[in-house]
């Protein structure tokens, strides 16, 4: 889809379009923002625009170059995604890592001149760059070969090396406008606007996460998770719950739900029930939260986030031990 068909992000697209129009495109970009809001799509459309035969500030979507890009066969556009090793082969996997072999392949490809247009490298989920891969990329990020642009896409830029961030022009992508997002969810799923509004709020106004939320019944899963936490009151129950969580395939998503829960509790403790995002959906109102100091709730929120970072790539901490430590703290 050309820029004009991307949902939201008028400010971000205006920055990119102006850079294309003026010929002042940066050599390296970092597209940072929440997951599932269109950062990678925007990066891809920028790559298509750089190679489109229409010579405009947007991809026409119809020329040979645009069609080759859409089919994944354009030699000027290289996409790098996380992988896992399977029998000594690298297999694409969103939960994997970006390895030094992949970066070496990119560096090798950048040595060749573009077939008209410009070379564009898109590194999706850039926070999953392994340290060796990130370090191998540093010099190229600072001085890419002439006629090339590198775009890092990340929903967790804080996990990137500071030296990586400093070499890129950062464009911060914001959550999608709620009204537009609700309309898109209704159009794609056929659910009611009320259901779409809940999905939008529960996923931080992310289209892809909202569609997943509806498709996989995450609303009910979230309610069950919070009720289970509420019923956990002593050490033995906390350890049992930690073991259950450590075996979940969707553990990272479960931790995001817990973060949302503690965020709402802190908001309620501050007396701002009008800003609650998730609590009512889980069957709790602001008045039902027990009185606790805001600082304590915020500390618990960041404990959950620290645990998520520990068990996610590239750290891969022991899930059971991490969950035991977290649940003991939360229950205490």
C-alpha atoms as a PDB file:
ATOM      1  CA  UNK A   1       0.000   0.000   0.000  1.00  0.00           C
ATOM      2  CA  UNK A   2       1.325   3.492  -0.855  1.00  0.00           C
ATOM      3  CA  UNK A   3       1.788   6.060   1.938  1.00  0.00           C
ATOM      4  CA  UNK A   4      -1.699   7.447   1.328  1.00  0.00           C
ATOM      5  CA  UNK A   5      -3.229   4.071   2.202  1.00  0.00           C
ATOM      6  CA  UNK A   6      -1.378   3.599   5.514  1.00  0.00           C
ATOM      7  CA  UNK A   7      -3.644   3.972   8.547  1.00  0.00           C
ATOM      8  CA  UNK A   8      -2.755   7.001  10.683  1.00  0.00           C
ATOM      9  CA  UNK A   9       0.772   8.423  11.110  1.00  0.00           C
ATOM     10  CA  UNK A  10       0.149  11.648   9.192  1.00  0.00           C
ATOM     11  CA  UNK A  11       3.005  13.453  10.976  1.00  0.00           C
ATOM     12  CA  UNK A  12       5.507  10.630  10.475  1.00  0.00           C
ATOM     13  CA  UNK A  13       4.575  10.206   6.805  1.00  0.00           C
ATOM     14  CA  UNK A  14       4.864  13.960   6.279  1.00  0.00           C
ATOM     15  CA  UNK A  15       8.447  13.873   7.598  1.00  0.00           C
ATOM     16  CA  UNK A  16       9.342  11.007   5.257  1.00  0.00           C
ATOM     17  CA  UNK A  17       7.602  12.532   2.229  1.00  0.00           C
ATOM     18  CA  UNK A  18       9.324  15.864   2.754  1.00  0.00           C
ATOM     19  CA  UNK A  19      12.710  14.117   2.961  1.00  0.00           C
ATOM     20  CA  UNK A  20      11.957  12.331  -0.313  1.00  0.00           C
ATOM     21  CA  UNK A  21      10.778  15.539  -1.984  1.00  0.00           C
ATOM     22  CA  UNK A  22      13.781  17.580  -0.878  1.00  0.00           C
ATOM     23  CA  UNK A  23      16.322  14.836  -1.500  1.00  0.00           C
ATOM     24  CA  UNK A  24      17.484  15.048   2.116  1.00  0.00           C
ATOM     25  CA  UNK A  25      16.800  11.475   3.126  1.00  0.00           C
ATOM     26  CA  UNK A  26      18.927  10.275   6.048  1.00  0.00           C
ATOM     27  CA  UNK A  27      21.277   7.367   5.433  1.00  0.00           C
ATOM     28  CA  UNK A  28      19.978   5.403   8.452  1.00  0.00           C
ATOM     29  CA  UNK A  29      16.590   5.549  10.180  1.00  0.00           C
ATOM     30  CA  UNK A  30      15.105   4.105  13.353  1.00  0.00           C
ATOM     31  CA  UNK A  31      11.320   3.698  13.141  1.00  0.00           C
ATOM     32  CA  UNK A  32      10.366   3.302  16.811  1.00  0.00           C
ATOM     33  CA  UNK A  33       6.959   2.846  18.392  1.00  0.00           C
ATOM     34  CA  UNK A  34       4.452   0.333  19.777  1.00  0.00           C
ATOM     35  CA  UNK A  35       4.108  -3.067  18.174  1.00  0.00           C
ATOM     36  CA  UNK A  36       1.703  -3.599  15.312  1.00  0.00           C
ATOM     37  CA  UNK A  37       0.947  -0.005  14.325  1.00  0.00           C
ATOM     38  CA  UNK A  38       2.460   0.076  10.817  1.00  0.00           C
ATOM     39  CA  UNK A  39       6.177   0.854  11.265  1.00  0.00           C
ATOM     40  CA  UNK A  40       7.371  -2.003   9.083  1.00  0.00           C
ATOM     41  CA  UNK A  41       4.758  -1.259   6.417  1.00  0.00           C
ATOM     42  CA  UNK A  42       5.922   2.336   6.324  1.00  0.00           C
ATOM     43  CA  UNK A  43       9.545   1.218   6.006  1.00  0.00           C
ATOM     44  CA  UNK A  44       8.595  -1.075   3.126  1.00  0.00           C
ATOM     45  CA  UNK A  45       6.671   1.672   1.332  1.00  0.00           C
ATOM     46  CA  UNK A  46       9.661   4.001   1.730  1.00  0.00           C
ATOM     47  CA  UNK A  47      11.823   1.318   0.105  1.00  0.00           C
ATOM     48  CA  UNK A  48       9.289   0.991  -2.735  1.00  0.00           C
ATOM     49  CA  UNK A  49       9.105   4.754  -3.205  1.00  0.00           C
ATOM     50  CA  UNK A  50      12.894   4.893  -3.545  1.00  0.00           C
ATOM     51  CA  UNK A  51      12.670   2.465  -6.458  1.00  0.00           C
ATOM     52  CA  UNK A  52       9.327   3.366  -8.039  1.00  0.00           C
ATOM     53  CA  UNK A  53       9.401   4.206 -11.757  1.00  0.00           C
ATOM     54  CA  UNK A  54       6.869   7.024 -11.291  1.00  0.00           C
ATOM     55  CA  UNK A  55       9.602   9.261  -9.828  1.00  0.00           C
ATOM     56  CA  UNK A  56       7.144  10.708  -7.280  1.00  0.00           C
ATOM     57  CA  UNK A  57       7.386  10.929  -3.484  1.00  0.00           C
ATOM     58  CA  UNK A  58       5.301   7.783  -3.067  1.00  0.00           C
ATOM     59  CA  UNK A  59       5.107   4.302  -4.536  1.00  0.00           C
ATOM     60  CA  UNK A  60       2.576   3.986  -7.335  1.00  0.00           C
ATOM     61  CA  UNK A  61       2.012   0.319  -6.517  1.00  0.00           C
ATOM     62  CA  UNK A  62       1.562  -0.540 -10.196  1.00  0.00           C
ATOM     63  CA  UNK A  63       4.908  -0.263 -12.005  1.00  0.00           C
ATOM     64  CA  UNK A  64       7.211  -3.247 -12.509  1.00  0.00           C
ATOM     65  CA  UNK A  65       9.454  -2.145  -9.662  1.00  0.00           C
ATOM     66  CA  UNK A  66       6.549  -1.832  -7.192  1.00  0.00           C
ATOM     67  CA  UNK A  67       5.151  -5.222  -8.230  1.00  0.00           C
ATOM     68  CA  UNK A  68       8.555  -6.881  -7.844  1.00  0.00           C
ATOM     69  CA  UNK A  69       8.872  -5.379  -4.386  1.00  0.00           C
ATOM     70  CA  UNK A  70       5.398  -6.614  -3.421  1.00  0.00           C
ATOM     71  CA  UNK A  71       6.320 -10.139  -4.520  1.00  0.00           C
ATOM     72  CA  UNK A  72       9.570 -10.033  -2.544  1.00  0.00           C
ATOM     73  CA  UNK A  73      11.812 -10.323  -5.608  1.00  0.00           C
ATOM     74  CA  UNK A  74      13.229  -6.798  -5.869  1.00  0.00           C
ATOM     75  CA  UNK A  75      17.017  -7.019  -5.591  1.00  0.00           C
ATOM     76  CA  UNK A  76      17.267  -3.460  -4.249  1.00  0.00           C
ATOM     77  CA  UNK A  77      15.106  -4.204  -1.190  1.00  0.00           C
ATOM     78  CA  UNK A  78      16.476  -6.452   1.536  1.00  0.00           C
ATOM     79  CA  UNK A  79      14.444  -7.393   4.616  1.00  0.00           C
ATOM     80  CA  UNK A  80      16.061  -8.877   7.722  1.00  0.00           C
ATOM     81  CA  UNK A  81      13.918 -10.603  10.375  1.00  0.00           C
ATOM     82  CA  UNK A  82      14.617 -12.629  13.547  1.00  0.00           C
ATOM     83  CA  UNK A  83      15.472 -16.295  13.033  1.00  0.00           C
ATOM     84  CA  UNK A  84      15.976 -19.506  14.975  1.00  0.00           C
ATOM     85  CA  UNK A  85      18.417 -22.270  14.140  1.00  0.00           C
ATOM     86  CA  UNK A  86      16.894 -25.492  12.835  1.00  0.00           C
ATOM     87  CA  UNK A  87      19.391 -28.193  11.921  1.00  0.00           C
ATOM     88  CA  UNK A  88      22.084 -25.589  11.245  1.00  0.00           C
ATOM     89  CA  UNK A  89      19.702 -23.573   9.061  1.00  0.00           C
ATOM     90  CA  UNK A  90      18.270 -20.158   9.948  1.00  0.00           C
ATOM     91  CA  UNK A  91      14.473 -20.192   9.903  1.00  0.00           C
ATOM     92  CA  UNK A  92      12.389 -16.987  10.235  1.00  0.00           C
ATOM     93  CA  UNK A  93      10.742 -16.790  13.668  1.00  0.00           C
ATOM     94  CA  UNK A  94       9.389 -13.649  15.416  1.00  0.00           C
ATOM     95  CA  UNK A  95      10.645 -14.971  18.750  1.00  0.00           C
ATOM     96  CA  UNK A  96      14.178 -15.552  17.458  1.00  0.00           C
ATOM     97  CA  UNK A  97      17.268 -13.383  17.043  1.00  0.00           C
ATOM     98  CA  UNK A  98      19.016 -11.468  14.258  1.00  0.00           C
ATOM     99  CA  UNK A  99      22.382 -13.124  13.887  1.00  0.00           C
ATOM    100  CA  UNK A 100      25.771 -12.030  12.637  1.00  0.00           C
ATOM    101  CA  UNK A 101      25.478 -14.304   9.572  1.00  0.00           C
ATOM    102  CA  UNK A 102      22.430 -12.324   8.445  1.00  0.00           C
ATOM    103  CA  UNK A 103      24.209  -8.997   8.883  1.00  0.00           C
ATOM    104  CA  UNK A 104      27.243 -10.255   6.988  1.00  0.00           C
ATOM    105  CA  UNK A 105      24.954 -11.223   4.098  1.00  0.00           C
ATOM    106  CA  UNK A 106      23.464  -7.699   4.127  1.00  0.00           C
ATOM    107  CA  UNK A 107      26.888  -6.075   4.128  1.00  0.00           C
ATOM    108  CA  UNK A 108      27.886  -8.243   1.180  1.00  0.00           C
ATOM    109  CA  UNK A 109      24.765  -7.260  -0.785  1.00  0.00           C
ATOM    110  CA  UNK A 110      25.343  -3.565  -0.115  1.00  0.00           C
ATOM    111  CA  UNK A 111      28.664  -3.755  -1.962  1.00  0.00           C
ATOM    112  CA  UNK A 112      26.788  -4.123  -5.254  1.00  0.00           C
ATOM    113  CA  UNK A 113      25.314  -1.122  -7.020  1.00  0.00           C
ATOM    114  CA  UNK A 114      21.556  -0.689  -7.102  1.00  0.00           C
ATOM    115  CA  UNK A 115      19.620  -1.682 -10.230  1.00  0.00           C
ATOM    116  CA  UNK A 116      18.362   1.850 -10.691  1.00  0.00           C
ATOM    117  CA  UNK A 117      16.720   3.453  -7.669  1.00  0.00           C
ATOM    118  CA  UNK A 118      18.403   2.903  -4.311  1.00  0.00           C
ATOM    119  CA  UNK A 119      19.298  -0.026  -2.092  1.00  0.00           C
ATOM    120  CA  UNK A 120      17.065  -0.252   0.983  1.00  0.00           C
ATOM    121  CA  UNK A 121      17.692  -2.537   3.960  1.00  0.00           C
ATOM    122  CA  UNK A 122      14.845  -3.048   6.451  1.00  0.00           C
ATOM    123  CA  UNK A 123      15.784  -4.647   9.774  1.00  0.00           C
ATOM    124  CA  UNK A 124      12.543  -5.647  11.501  1.00  0.00           C
ATOM    125  CA  UNK A 125      12.479  -6.170  15.286  1.00  0.00           C
ATOM    126  CA  UNK A 126      15.936  -4.584  15.432  1.00  0.00           C
ATOM    127  CA  UNK A 127      16.003  -4.938  19.231  1.00  0.00           C
ATOM    128  CA  UNK A 128      16.655  -8.635  18.573  1.00  0.00           C
ATOM    129  CA  UNK A 129      20.058  -7.976  17.031  1.00  0.00           C
ATOM    130  CA  UNK A 130      22.604 -10.162  18.798  1.00  0.00           C
ATOM    131  CA  UNK A 131      25.519  -8.126  20.218  1.00  0.00           C
ATOM    132  CA  UNK A 132      27.952  -9.463  17.609  1.00  0.00           C
ATOM    133  CA  UNK A 133      25.502  -8.646  14.808  1.00  0.00           C
ATOM    134  CA  UNK A 134      24.881  -5.149  16.166  1.00  0.00           C
ATOM    135  CA  UNK A 135      28.582  -4.422  16.458  1.00  0.00           C
ATOM    136  CA  UNK A 136      29.202  -5.686  12.916  1.00  0.00           C
ATOM    137  CA  UNK A 137      26.534  -3.255  11.699  1.00  0.00           C
ATOM    138  CA  UNK A 138      27.853  -0.116  13.410  1.00  0.00           C
ATOM    139  CA  UNK A 139      30.211   1.251  10.766  1.00  0.00           C
ATOM    140  CA  UNK A 140      27.757   0.590   7.940  1.00  0.00           C
ATOM    141  CA  UNK A 141      24.983   2.386   9.851  1.00  0.00           C
ATOM    142  CA  UNK A 142      27.219   5.414  10.235  1.00  0.00           C
ATOM    143  CA  UNK A 143      28.368   5.438   6.606  1.00  0.00           C
ATOM    144  CA  UNK A 144      26.213   3.224   4.369  1.00  0.00           C
ATOM    145  CA  UNK A 145      27.410   2.743   0.792  1.00  0.00           C
ATOM    146  CA  UNK A 146      26.360   5.521  -1.576  1.00  0.00           C
ATOM    147  CA  UNK A 147      22.827   5.104  -2.870  1.00  0.00           C
ATOM    148  CA  UNK A 148      21.579   3.043   0.069  1.00  0.00           C
ATOM    149  CA  UNK A 149      19.272   3.576   3.041  1.00  0.00           C
ATOM    150  CA  UNK A 150      19.036   1.424   6.182  1.00  0.00           C
ATOM    151  CA  UNK A 151      15.822   1.369   8.211  1.00  0.00           C
ATOM    152  CA  UNK A 152      15.715  -0.231  11.656  1.00  0.00           C
ATOM    153  CA  UNK A 153      12.219  -1.023  12.935  1.00  0.00           C
ATOM    154  CA  UNK A 154      11.731  -1.545  16.661  1.00  0.00           C
ATOM    155  CA  UNK A 155       8.898  -1.687  19.195  1.00  0.00           C
ATOM    156  CA  UNK A 156      11.453  -1.730  22.032  1.00  0.00           C
ATOM    157  CA  UNK A 157      14.169   0.779  21.105  1.00  0.00           C
ATOM    158  CA  UNK A 158      15.399   0.899  24.715  1.00  0.00           C
ATOM    159  CA  UNK A 159      16.786  -2.608  24.132  1.00  0.00           C
ATOM    160  CA  UNK A 160      19.027  -1.383  21.302  1.00  0.00           C
ATOM    161  CA  UNK A 161      22.663  -0.499  21.877  1.00  0.00           C
ATOM    162  CA  UNK A 162      23.104   3.266  22.408  1.00  0.00           C
ATOM    163  CA  UNK A 163      25.742   3.210  19.676  1.00  0.00           C
ATOM    164  CA  UNK A 164      23.133   1.856  17.240  1.00  0.00           C
ATOM    165  CA  UNK A 165      20.563   4.502  18.187  1.00  0.00           C
ATOM    166  CA  UNK A 166      23.075   7.348  17.891  1.00  0.00           C
ATOM    167  CA  UNK A 167      23.789   6.481  14.254  1.00  0.00           C
ATOM    168  CA  UNK A 168      20.159   6.673  13.112  1.00  0.00           C
ATOM    169  CA  UNK A 169      17.622   9.421  12.593  1.00  0.00           C
ATOM    170  CA  UNK A 170      14.746   8.457  14.834  1.00  0.00           C
ATOM    171  CA  UNK A 171      11.115   8.773  13.807  1.00  0.00           C
ATOM    172  CA  UNK A 172       8.743   8.083  16.705  1.00  0.00           C
ATOM    173  CA  UNK A 173       5.513   6.379  15.659  1.00  0.00           C
ATOM    174  CA  UNK A 174       2.540   6.918  17.950  1.00  0.00           C
ATOM    175  CA  UNK A 175      -0.381   4.576  18.670  1.00  0.00           C
ATOM    176  CA  UNK A 176      -3.073   4.692  16.009  1.00  0.00           C
ATOM    177  CA  UNK A 177      -6.013   7.136  16.381  1.00  0.00           C
ATOM    178  CA  UNK A 178      -8.743   5.274  18.268  1.00  0.00           C
ATOM    179  CA  UNK A 179     -11.665   6.128  15.963  1.00  0.00           C
ATOM    180  CA  UNK A 180      -9.784   5.150  12.812  1.00  0.00           C
ATOM    181  CA  UNK A 181      -8.517   1.969  14.456  1.00  0.00           C
ATOM    182  CA  UNK A 182     -11.979   0.926  15.638  1.00  0.00           C
ATOM    183  CA  UNK A 183     -13.290   1.413  12.104  1.00  0.00           C
ATOM    184  CA  UNK A 184     -10.493  -0.731  10.667  1.00  0.00           C
ATOM    185  CA  UNK A 185     -11.108  -3.503  13.217  1.00  0.00           C
ATOM    186  CA  UNK A 186     -14.840  -3.557  12.466  1.00  0.00           C
ATOM    187  CA  UNK A 187     -14.139  -3.672   8.725  1.00  0.00           C
ATOM    188  CA  UNK A 188     -11.637  -6.529   9.006  1.00  0.00           C
ATOM    189  CA  UNK A 189     -13.411  -8.698  11.617  1.00  0.00           C
ATOM    190  CA  UNK A 190     -17.098  -7.811  11.525  1.00  0.00           C
ATOM    191  CA  UNK A 191     -17.302  -7.387  15.329  1.00  0.00           C
ATOM    192  CA  UNK A 192     -19.342  -4.609  16.907  1.00  0.00           C
ATOM    193  CA  UNK A 193     -17.822  -1.189  17.526  1.00  0.00           C
ATOM    194  CA  UNK A 194     -18.015  -1.902  21.272  1.00  0.00           C
ATOM    195  CA  UNK A 195     -15.955  -5.087  20.904  1.00  0.00           C
ATOM    196  CA  UNK A 196     -13.546  -3.276  18.590  1.00  0.00           C
ATOM    197  CA  UNK A 197     -13.149  -0.459  21.135  1.00  0.00           C
ATOM    198  CA  UNK A 198     -12.250  -2.960  23.874  1.00  0.00           C
ATOM    199  CA  UNK A 199      -9.685  -4.648  21.609  1.00  0.00           C
ATOM    200  CA  UNK A 200      -8.181  -1.261  20.699  1.00  0.00           C
ATOM    201  CA  UNK A 201      -7.789  -0.239  24.340  1.00  0.00           C
ATOM    202  CA  UNK A 202      -6.474  -3.614  25.466  1.00  0.00           C
ATOM    203  CA  UNK A 203      -3.721  -3.650  22.835  1.00  0.00           C
ATOM    204  CA  UNK A 204      -2.467  -0.090  23.132  1.00  0.00           C
ATOM    205  CA  UNK A 205      -4.217   0.917  19.883  1.00  0.00           C
ATOM    206  CA  UNK A 206      -2.275  -1.568  17.758  1.00  0.00           C
ATOM    207  CA  UNK A 207      -4.088  -2.908  14.687  1.00  0.00           C
ATOM    208  CA  UNK A 208      -2.247  -6.225  14.346  1.00  0.00           C
ATOM    209  CA  UNK A 209      -2.443  -6.934  18.086  1.00  0.00           C
ATOM    210  CA  UNK A 210      -6.126  -5.986  18.175  1.00  0.00           C
ATOM    211  CA  UNK A 211      -6.886  -8.411  15.337  1.00  0.00           C
ATOM    212  CA  UNK A 212      -4.943 -11.106  17.171  1.00  0.00           C
ATOM    213  CA  UNK A 213      -6.719 -10.237  20.421  1.00  0.00           C
ATOM    214  CA  UNK A 214     -10.119 -10.810  18.795  1.00  0.00           C
ATOM    215  CA  UNK A 215      -9.096 -13.843  16.755  1.00  0.00           C
ATOM    216  CA  UNK A 216      -7.531 -15.732  19.657  1.00  0.00           C
ATOM    217  CA  UNK A 217     -10.038 -14.833  22.375  1.00  0.00           C
ATOM    218  CA  UNK A 218      -7.533 -12.934  24.486  1.00  0.00           C
ATOM    219  CA  UNK A 219     -10.243 -11.076  26.366  1.00  0.00           C
ATOM    220  CA  UNK A 220     -11.356 -14.188  28.220  1.00  0.00           C
ATOM    221  CA  UNK A 221      -7.750 -15.292  28.735  1.00  0.00           C
ATOM    222  CA  UNK A 222      -6.987 -11.923  30.317  1.00  0.00           C
ATOM    223  CA  UNK A 223      -9.923 -12.137  32.696  1.00  0.00           C
ATOM    224  CA  UNK A 224      -8.876 -15.623  33.781  1.00  0.00           C
ATOM    225  CA  UNK A 225      -5.288 -14.497  34.326  1.00  0.00           C
ATOM    226  CA  UNK A 226      -6.259 -11.552  36.537  1.00  0.00           C
ATOM    227  CA  UNK A 227      -8.700 -13.645  38.579  1.00  0.00           C
ATOM    228  CA  UNK A 228      -5.979 -16.260  39.088  1.00  0.00           C
ATOM    229  CA  UNK A 229      -3.603 -13.582  40.339  1.00  0.00           C
ATOM    230  CA  UNK A 230      -6.273 -12.177  42.659  1.00  0.00           C
ATOM    231  CA  UNK A 231      -6.814 -15.599  44.231  1.00  0.00           C
ATOM    232  CA  UNK A 232      -3.087 -16.180  44.832  1.00  0.00           C
ATOM    233  CA  UNK A 233      -2.504 -15.191  48.461  1.00  0.00           C
ATOM    234  CA  UNK A 234       0.367 -17.236  49.889  1.00  0.00           C
ATOM    235  CA  UNK A 235       3.824 -18.551  48.970  1.00  0.00           C
ATOM    236  CA  UNK A 236       2.762 -22.063  47.934  1.00  0.00           C
ATOM    237  CA  UNK A 237       0.045 -20.723  45.629  1.00  0.00           C
ATOM    238  CA  UNK A 238       2.464 -18.169  44.190  1.00  0.00           C
ATOM    239  CA  UNK A 239       5.012 -20.857  43.330  1.00  0.00           C
ATOM    240  CA  UNK A 240       2.314 -23.035  41.754  1.00  0.00           C
ATOM    241  CA  UNK A 241       1.047 -20.090  39.682  1.00  0.00           C
ATOM    242  CA  UNK A 242       4.619 -19.262  38.630  1.00  0.00           C
ATOM    243  CA  UNK A 243       5.090 -22.818  37.361  1.00  0.00           C
ATOM    244  CA  UNK A 244       1.838 -22.604  35.378  1.00  0.00           C
ATOM    245  CA  UNK A 245       2.872 -19.311  33.809  1.00  0.00           C
ATOM    246  CA  UNK A 246       6.364 -20.535  32.920  1.00  0.00           C
ATOM    247  CA  UNK A 247       4.831 -23.282  30.746  1.00  0.00           C
ATOM    248  CA  UNK A 248       2.590 -20.932  28.743  1.00  0.00           C
ATOM    249  CA  UNK A 249       3.412 -20.407  25.076  1.00  0.00           C
ATOM    250  CA  UNK A 250       2.002 -16.877  25.381  1.00  0.00           C
ATOM    251  CA  UNK A 251       3.961 -15.928  28.495  1.00  0.00           C
ATOM    252  CA  UNK A 252       5.184 -12.610  27.086  1.00  0.00           C
ATOM    253  CA  UNK A 253       1.609 -11.647  26.232  1.00  0.00           C
ATOM    254  CA  UNK A 254       0.456 -12.700  29.713  1.00  0.00           C
ATOM    255  CA  UNK A 255       3.054 -10.390  31.233  1.00  0.00           C
ATOM    256  CA  UNK A 256       1.799  -7.523  29.072  1.00  0.00           C
ATOM    257  CA  UNK A 257      -1.709  -8.145  30.456  1.00  0.00           C
ATOM    258  CA  UNK A 258      -0.333  -8.029  34.005  1.00  0.00           C
ATOM    259  CA  UNK A 259       1.436  -4.763  33.198  1.00  0.00           C
ATOM    260  CA  UNK A 260      -1.839  -3.276  32.014  1.00  0.00           C
ATOM    261  CA  UNK A 261      -3.532  -4.423  35.201  1.00  0.00           C
ATOM    262  CA  UNK A 262      -0.920  -2.811  37.442  1.00  0.00           C
ATOM    263  CA  UNK A 263      -0.985   0.339  35.349  1.00  0.00           C
ATOM    264  CA  UNK A 264      -4.714   0.641  35.993  1.00  0.00           C
ATOM    265  CA  UNK A 265      -4.242   0.020  39.699  1.00  0.00           C
ATOM    266  CA  UNK A 266      -1.705   2.840  39.880  1.00  0.00           C
ATOM    267  CA  UNK A 267      -4.052   5.138  37.962  1.00  0.00           C
ATOM    268  CA  UNK A 268      -6.885   4.256  40.342  1.00  0.00           C
ATOM    269  CA  UNK A 269      -4.690   4.831  43.389  1.00  0.00           C
ATOM    270  CA  UNK A 270      -3.971   8.297  41.989  1.00  0.00           C
ATOM    271  CA  UNK A 271      -7.711   8.977  41.871  1.00  0.00           C
ATOM    272  CA  UNK A 272      -7.927   9.104  38.076  1.00  0.00           C
ATOM    273  CA  UNK A 273     -10.538   6.393  37.404  1.00  0.00           C
ATOM    274  CA  UNK A 274     -11.487   8.179  34.175  1.00  0.00           C
ATOM    275  CA  UNK A 275      -8.131   7.077  32.740  1.00  0.00           C
ATOM    276  CA  UNK A 276      -8.602   3.362  33.442  1.00  0.00           C
ATOM    277  CA  UNK A 277      -7.899   1.384  30.274  1.00  0.00           C
ATOM    278  CA  UNK A 278      -8.401  -2.274  31.111  1.00  0.00           C
ATOM    279  CA  UNK A 279      -9.939  -2.742  34.551  1.00  0.00           C
ATOM    280  CA  UNK A 280     -13.622  -2.542  33.624  1.00  0.00           C
ATOM    281  CA  UNK A 281     -13.097  -5.086  30.851  1.00  0.00           C
ATOM    282  CA  UNK A 282     -11.742  -7.550  33.400  1.00  0.00           C
ATOM    283  CA  UNK A 283     -14.738  -7.095  35.668  1.00  0.00           C
ATOM    284  CA  UNK A 284     -13.188  -4.666  38.158  1.00  0.00           C
ATOM    285  CA  UNK A 285     -13.915  -0.996  38.684  1.00  0.00           C
ATOM    286  CA  UNK A 286     -11.603   1.623  40.107  1.00  0.00           C
ATOM    287  CA  UNK A 287     -13.394   1.536  43.449  1.00  0.00           C
ATOM    288  CA  UNK A 288     -12.686  -2.178  43.836  1.00  0.00           C
ATOM    289  CA  UNK A 289      -8.897  -1.713  43.996  1.00  0.00           C
ATOM    290  CA  UNK A 290      -7.441  -2.034  47.466  1.00  0.00           C
ATOM    291  CA  UNK A 291      -5.660   1.034  48.760  1.00  0.00           C
ATOM    292  CA  UNK A 292      -1.942   0.893  48.024  1.00  0.00           C
ATOM    293  CA  UNK A 293       0.743   3.472  47.605  1.00  0.00           C
ATOM    294  CA  UNK A 294       1.265   4.503  44.000  1.00  0.00           C
ATOM    295  CA  UNK A 295       5.029   4.013  44.310  1.00  0.00           C
ATOM    296  CA  UNK A 296       4.508   0.362  45.273  1.00  0.00           C
ATOM    297  CA  UNK A 297       2.226  -0.290  42.301  1.00  0.00           C
ATOM    298  CA  UNK A 298       4.612   1.423  39.897  1.00  0.00           C
ATOM    299  CA  UNK A 299       7.462  -0.669  41.311  1.00  0.00           C
ATOM    300  CA  UNK A 300       5.444  -3.832  40.638  1.00  0.00           C
ATOM    301  CA  UNK A 301       4.728  -2.633  37.095  1.00  0.00           C
ATOM    302  CA  UNK A 302       8.436  -2.261  36.363  1.00  0.00           C
ATOM    303  CA  UNK A 303       9.192  -5.602  38.033  1.00  0.00           C
ATOM    304  CA  UNK A 304       6.887  -7.237  35.500  1.00  0.00           C
ATOM    305  CA  UNK A 305       8.594  -5.378  32.630  1.00  0.00           C
ATOM    306  CA  UNK A 306      12.063  -6.326  33.930  1.00  0.00           C
ATOM    307  CA  UNK A 307      10.973  -9.966  34.072  1.00  0.00           C
ATOM    308  CA  UNK A 308       9.647  -9.784  30.521  1.00  0.00           C
ATOM    309  CA  UNK A 309      12.961  -8.422  29.288  1.00  0.00           C
ATOM    310  CA  UNK A 310      14.897 -11.113  31.176  1.00  0.00           C
ATOM    311  CA  UNK A 311      13.078 -14.037  29.582  1.00  0.00           C
ATOM    312  CA  UNK A 312      12.780 -12.545  26.072  1.00  0.00           C
ATOM    313  CA  UNK A 313      15.554 -12.818  23.476  1.00  0.00           C
ATOM    314  CA  UNK A 314      18.428 -12.254  23.540  1.00  0.00           C
ATOM    315  CA  UNK A 315      18.655 -12.893  27.302  1.00  0.00           C
ATOM    316  CA  UNK A 316      16.589 -16.095  27.593  1.00  0.00           C
ATOM    317  CA  UNK A 317      16.607 -16.217  31.400  1.00  0.00           C
ATOM    318  CA  UNK A 318      15.181 -19.321  33.084  1.00  0.00           C
ATOM    319  CA  UNK A 319      11.409 -18.816  32.859  1.00  0.00           C
ATOM    320  CA  UNK A 320      10.506 -20.768  35.988  1.00  0.00           C
ATOM    321  CA  UNK A 321      13.023 -18.993  38.228  1.00  0.00           C
ATOM    322  CA  UNK A 322      12.086 -15.606  36.790  1.00  0.00           C
ATOM    323  CA  UNK A 323       8.364 -16.199  37.318  1.00  0.00           C
ATOM    324  CA  UNK A 324       8.874 -17.520  40.833  1.00  0.00           C
ATOM    325  CA  UNK A 325      10.798 -14.380  41.799  1.00  0.00           C
ATOM    326  CA  UNK A 326       8.155 -12.152  40.211  1.00  0.00           C
ATOM    327  CA  UNK A 327       5.097 -13.869  41.712  1.00  0.00           C
ATOM    328  CA  UNK A 328       6.620 -13.942  45.182  1.00  0.00           C
ATOM    329  CA  UNK A 329       7.152 -10.190  44.911  1.00  0.00           C
ATOM    330  CA  UNK A 330       3.678  -9.458  43.571  1.00  0.00           C
ATOM    331  CA  UNK A 331       1.924 -11.615  46.148  1.00  0.00           C
ATOM    332  CA  UNK A 332       4.022 -10.137  48.948  1.00  0.00           C
END
